[in-house]
């Protein structure tokens, strides 16, 4: 009798686990994909914010240098910053 119960449990437990995985896996995968997309959107937003903050810092430094003669050692240009980020993407200019 004990042998029959153990044999049935040996078959029943993997089936119960398989049913549980079939029910839970699609929902868990869905939430992981949603979390991945959300994190990717937040990372892209922070990347854009970093560029805006850098531009504001350059503009503030330039105005502060003109008005108070401070922060004059900070000579950054937002245009140069944008060009330096896009240069790896742009094809090299031919030297004709």
N, C-alpha and C. Protein backbone atom coordinates (compact mmCIF):
# COMPACT_ATOMS: atom_id res chain seq x y z
N UNK A 1 0.83 -1.20 0.00
CA UNK A 1 0.00 0.00 0.00
C UNK A 1 0.87 1.26 0.00
N UNK A 2 1.90 1.25 0.82
CA UNK A 2 2.80 2.40 0.90
C UNK A 2 3.51 2.61 -0.43
N UNK A 3 3.85 1.53 -1.09
CA UNK A 3 4.54 1.63 -2.37
C UNK A 3 3.63 2.29 -3.42
N UNK A 4 2.35 1.98 -3.39
CA UNK A 4 1.39 2.55 -4.34
C UNK A 4 1.25 4.06 -4.10
N UNK A 5 1.22 4.48 -2.84
CA UNK A 5 1.10 5.90 -2.51
C UNK A 5 2.35 6.65 -2.98
N UNK A 6 3.52 6.09 -2.73
CA UNK A 6 4.77 6.73 -3.15
C UNK A 6 4.83 6.83 -4.67
N UNK A 7 4.42 5.83 -5.37
CA UNK A 7 4.42 5.86 -6.83
C UNK A 7 3.45 6.91 -7.35
N UNK A 8 2.28 7.01 -6.71
CA UNK A 8 1.31 8.03 -7.13
C UNK A 8 1.84 9.43 -6.83
N UNK A 9 2.49 9.60 -5.71
CA UNK A 9 3.06 10.91 -5.38
C UNK A 9 4.18 11.27 -6.35
N UNK A 10 4.93 10.27 -6.77
CA UNK A 10 6.01 10.51 -7.71
C UNK A 10 5.48 11.01 -9.06
N UNK A 11 4.29 10.61 -9.40
CA UNK A 11 3.66 11.08 -10.64
C UNK A 11 2.90 12.38 -10.40
N UNK A 12 2.25 12.50 -9.27
CA UNK A 12 1.38 13.65 -8.98
C UNK A 12 2.16 14.94 -8.73
N UNK A 13 3.25 14.87 -8.00
CA UNK A 13 4.00 16.08 -7.65
C UNK A 13 4.56 16.78 -8.88
N UNK A 14 5.22 16.10 -9.82
CA UNK A 14 5.68 16.80 -11.03
C UNK A 14 4.54 17.39 -11.86
N UNK A 15 3.40 16.71 -11.89
CA UNK A 15 2.26 17.25 -12.64
C UNK A 15 1.73 18.53 -11.99
N UNK A 16 1.64 18.55 -10.69
CA UNK A 16 1.17 19.74 -9.98
C UNK A 16 2.15 20.90 -10.20
N UNK A 17 3.43 20.60 -10.14
CA UNK A 17 4.44 21.64 -10.38
C UNK A 17 4.34 22.14 -11.82
N UNK A 18 4.14 21.24 -12.77
CA UNK A 18 4.03 21.63 -14.18
C UNK A 18 2.81 22.52 -14.40
N UNK A 19 1.68 22.18 -13.80
CA UNK A 19 0.48 23.01 -13.92
C UNK A 19 0.72 24.39 -13.29
N UNK A 20 1.35 24.41 -12.15
CA UNK A 20 1.66 25.67 -11.48
C UNK A 20 2.56 26.56 -12.36
N UNK A 21 3.57 25.95 -12.96
CA UNK A 21 4.48 26.71 -13.83
C UNK A 21 3.74 27.21 -15.07
N UNK A 22 2.89 26.38 -15.66
CA UNK A 22 2.13 26.80 -16.84
C UNK A 22 1.21 27.96 -16.54
N UNK A 23 0.68 28.02 -15.34
CA UNK A 23 -0.22 29.11 -14.97
C UNK A 23 0.57 30.37 -14.61
N UNK A 24 1.65 30.22 -13.88
CA UNK A 24 2.39 31.38 -13.37
C UNK A 24 3.40 31.96 -14.36
N UNK A 25 3.99 31.17 -15.21
CA UNK A 25 5.06 31.65 -16.08
C UNK A 25 4.63 32.78 -17.02
N UNK A 26 3.49 32.67 -17.73
CA UNK A 26 3.12 33.77 -18.63
C UNK A 26 2.94 35.10 -17.89
N UNK A 27 2.33 35.06 -16.72
CA UNK A 27 2.12 36.30 -15.96
C UNK A 27 3.44 36.84 -15.42
N UNK A 28 4.30 35.96 -14.96
CA UNK A 28 5.61 36.42 -14.47
C UNK A 28 6.43 37.00 -15.61
N UNK A 29 6.40 36.35 -16.75
CA UNK A 29 7.12 36.87 -17.92
C UNK A 29 6.57 38.22 -18.35
N UNK A 30 5.25 38.36 -18.34
CA UNK A 30 4.61 39.63 -18.70
C UNK A 30 5.09 40.74 -17.78
N UNK A 31 5.09 40.50 -16.49
CA UNK A 31 5.51 41.55 -15.54
C UNK A 31 6.99 41.86 -15.66
N UNK A 32 7.79 40.88 -15.97
CA UNK A 32 9.23 41.13 -16.15
C UNK A 32 9.45 41.98 -17.40
N UNK A 33 8.72 41.71 -18.47
CA UNK A 33 8.85 42.50 -19.70
C UNK A 33 8.36 43.92 -19.45
N UNK A 34 7.26 44.08 -18.73
CA UNK A 34 6.75 45.42 -18.41
C UNK A 34 7.78 46.18 -17.57
N UNK A 35 8.36 45.52 -16.59
CA UNK A 35 9.37 46.17 -15.75
C UNK A 35 10.60 46.54 -16.57
N UNK A 36 10.98 45.69 -17.51
CA UNK A 36 12.13 45.99 -18.38
C UNK A 36 11.85 47.21 -19.25
N UNK A 37 10.66 47.27 -19.84
CA UNK A 37 10.30 48.42 -20.68
C UNK A 37 10.23 49.70 -19.86
N UNK A 38 9.68 49.61 -18.66
CA UNK A 38 9.59 50.78 -17.78
C UNK A 38 10.99 51.26 -17.40
N UNK A 39 11.86 50.34 -17.05
CA UNK A 39 13.23 50.71 -16.68
C UNK A 39 13.97 51.32 -17.87
N UNK A 40 13.74 50.78 -19.05
CA UNK A 40 14.36 51.33 -20.25
C UNK A 40 13.87 52.75 -20.52
N UNK A 41 12.59 52.99 -20.33
CA UNK A 41 12.05 54.34 -20.53
C UNK A 41 12.61 55.32 -19.50
N UNK A 42 12.73 54.88 -18.27
CA UNK A 42 13.30 55.74 -17.21
C UNK A 42 14.77 56.05 -17.53
N UNK A 43 15.52 55.06 -17.99
CA UNK A 43 16.93 55.28 -18.33
C UNK A 43 17.06 56.27 -19.49
N UNK A 44 16.19 56.15 -20.49
CA UNK A 44 16.23 57.09 -21.61
C UNK A 44 15.87 58.50 -21.14
N UNK A 45 14.91 58.61 -20.24
CA UNK A 45 14.54 59.92 -19.71
C UNK A 45 15.71 60.55 -18.95
N UNK A 46 16.41 59.76 -18.14
CA UNK A 46 17.55 60.31 -17.41
C UNK A 46 18.69 60.69 -18.34
N UNK A 47 18.85 59.97 -19.44
CA UNK A 47 19.88 60.34 -20.41
C UNK A 47 19.56 61.68 -21.04
N UNK A 48 18.28 61.88 -21.41
CA UNK A 48 17.88 63.17 -21.97
C UNK A 48 18.01 64.28 -20.93
N UNK A 49 17.65 63.99 -19.70
CA UNK A 49 17.77 65.00 -18.64
C UNK A 49 19.23 65.37 -18.42
N UNK A 50 20.13 64.43 -18.54
CA UNK A 50 21.55 64.71 -18.36
C UNK A 50 22.03 65.72 -19.40
N UNK A 51 21.57 65.58 -20.63
CA UNK A 51 21.95 66.53 -21.67
C UNK A 51 21.39 67.91 -21.39
N UNK A 52 20.15 67.97 -20.92
CA UNK A 52 19.53 69.26 -20.60
C UNK A 52 20.25 69.91 -19.42
N UNK A 53 20.60 69.13 -18.42
CA UNK A 53 21.31 69.68 -17.26
C UNK A 53 22.69 70.18 -17.67
N UNK A 54 23.36 69.44 -18.54
CA UNK A 54 24.67 69.88 -19.03
C UNK A 54 24.54 71.20 -19.78
N UNK A 55 23.53 71.31 -20.63
CA UNK A 55 23.32 72.56 -21.38
C UNK A 55 23.02 73.71 -20.42
N UNK A 56 22.22 73.46 -19.40
CA UNK A 56 21.91 74.51 -18.42
C UNK A 56 23.16 74.93 -17.67
N UNK A 57 24.00 73.97 -17.32
CA UNK A 57 25.24 74.27 -16.61
C UNK A 57 26.16 75.13 -17.47
N UNK A 58 26.28 74.79 -18.75
CA UNK A 58 27.13 75.59 -19.65
C UNK A 58 26.58 77.00 -19.79
N UNK A 59 25.28 77.11 -19.94
CA UNK A 59 24.66 78.43 -20.08
C UNK A 59 24.82 79.24 -18.79
N UNK A 60 24.63 78.60 -17.64
CA UNK A 60 24.78 79.28 -16.36
C UNK A 60 26.22 79.75 -16.17
N UNK A 61 27.18 78.91 -16.52
CA UNK A 61 28.58 79.28 -16.36
C UNK A 61 28.94 80.47 -17.24
N UNK A 62 28.43 80.49 -18.47
CA UNK A 62 28.72 81.59 -19.37
C UNK A 62 28.12 82.90 -18.86
N UNK A 63 26.88 82.85 -18.40
CA UNK A 63 26.23 84.06 -17.88
C UNK A 63 26.89 84.54 -16.60
N UNK A 64 27.26 83.60 -15.73
CA UNK A 64 27.89 83.95 -14.46
C UNK A 64 29.27 84.55 -14.70
N UNK A 65 29.97 84.07 -15.72
CA UNK A 65 31.28 84.62 -16.05
C UNK A 65 31.14 86.06 -16.55
N UNK A 66 30.11 86.29 -17.39
CA UNK A 66 29.92 87.65 -17.90
C UNK A 66 29.49 88.62 -16.80
N UNK A 67 28.62 88.17 -15.90
CA UNK A 67 28.09 89.10 -14.90
C UNK A 67 28.99 89.25 -13.67
N UNK A 68 29.59 88.18 -13.18
CA UNK A 68 30.33 88.26 -11.93
C UNK A 68 31.81 87.90 -12.06
N UNK A 69 32.25 87.55 -13.27
CA UNK A 69 33.63 87.15 -13.52
C UNK A 69 34.03 85.91 -12.70
N UNK A 70 33.09 85.04 -12.48
CA UNK A 70 33.34 83.77 -11.79
C UNK A 70 32.96 82.63 -12.73
N UNK A 71 33.52 81.49 -12.50
CA UNK A 71 33.29 80.29 -13.31
C UNK A 71 33.75 80.49 -14.75
N UNK A 72 34.70 81.39 -14.96
CA UNK A 72 35.20 81.63 -16.32
C UNK A 72 36.07 80.47 -16.82
N UNK A 73 36.56 79.63 -15.90
CA UNK A 73 37.36 78.48 -16.33
C UNK A 73 36.50 77.38 -16.94
N UNK A 74 35.19 77.47 -16.72
CA UNK A 74 34.28 76.48 -17.30
C UNK A 74 33.88 76.99 -18.68
N UNK A 75 34.51 76.44 -19.68
CA UNK A 75 34.21 76.85 -21.06
C UNK A 75 33.68 75.63 -21.79
N UNK A 76 32.43 75.38 -21.62
CA UNK A 76 31.82 74.24 -22.30
C UNK A 76 30.77 74.77 -23.26
N UNK A 77 30.56 74.01 -24.29
CA UNK A 77 29.58 74.38 -25.31
C UNK A 77 28.63 73.21 -25.50
N UNK A 78 27.35 73.51 -25.42
CA UNK A 78 26.37 72.45 -25.61
C UNK A 78 26.42 71.92 -27.04
N UNK A 79 26.69 72.79 -27.99
CA UNK A 79 26.79 72.35 -29.39
C UNK A 79 27.95 71.36 -29.54
N UNK A 80 29.11 71.68 -28.93
CA UNK A 80 30.23 70.74 -28.99
C UNK A 80 29.89 69.42 -28.30
N UNK A 81 29.15 69.50 -27.22
CA UNK A 81 28.74 68.29 -26.50
C UNK A 81 27.85 67.41 -27.38
N UNK A 82 26.88 68.03 -28.05
CA UNK A 82 25.98 67.28 -28.93
C UNK A 82 26.75 66.70 -30.10
N UNK A 83 27.65 67.49 -30.68
CA UNK A 83 28.44 66.97 -31.80
C UNK A 83 29.35 65.82 -31.38
N UNK A 84 29.91 65.90 -30.19
CA UNK A 84 30.78 64.81 -29.73
C UNK A 84 29.98 63.52 -29.51
N UNK A 85 28.71 63.65 -29.13
CA UNK A 85 27.88 62.46 -28.97
C UNK A 85 27.44 61.89 -30.31
N UNK A 86 27.28 62.74 -31.31
CA UNK A 86 26.79 62.25 -32.59
C UNK A 86 27.91 61.84 -33.53
N UNK A 87 29.14 62.21 -33.24
CA UNK A 87 30.26 61.87 -34.13
C UNK A 87 30.45 60.38 -34.34
N UNK A 88 30.35 59.53 -33.30
CA UNK A 88 30.49 58.09 -33.58
C UNK A 88 29.41 57.56 -34.52
N UNK A 89 28.26 58.23 -34.55
CA UNK A 89 27.16 57.77 -35.40
C UNK A 89 27.32 58.29 -36.82
N UNK A 90 27.83 59.51 -36.96
CA UNK A 90 27.97 60.11 -38.27
C UNK A 90 29.14 59.49 -39.02
N UNK A 91 29.00 59.36 -40.33
CA UNK A 91 30.13 58.83 -41.10
C UNK A 91 31.26 59.88 -41.13
N UNK A 92 32.50 59.44 -41.22
CA UNK A 92 33.60 60.40 -41.26
C UNK A 92 33.55 61.25 -42.52
N UNK A 93 33.98 62.49 -42.39
CA UNK A 93 34.00 63.41 -43.51
C UNK A 93 35.19 63.08 -44.39
N UNK A 94 34.96 63.02 -45.70
CA UNK A 94 36.07 62.69 -46.60
C UNK A 94 36.96 63.90 -46.76
N UNK A 95 38.26 63.67 -46.84
CA UNK A 95 39.25 64.74 -46.96
C UNK A 95 39.65 64.92 -48.41
N UNK A 96 38.76 65.45 -49.23
CA UNK A 96 39.06 65.67 -50.67
C UNK A 96 39.59 67.03 -50.92
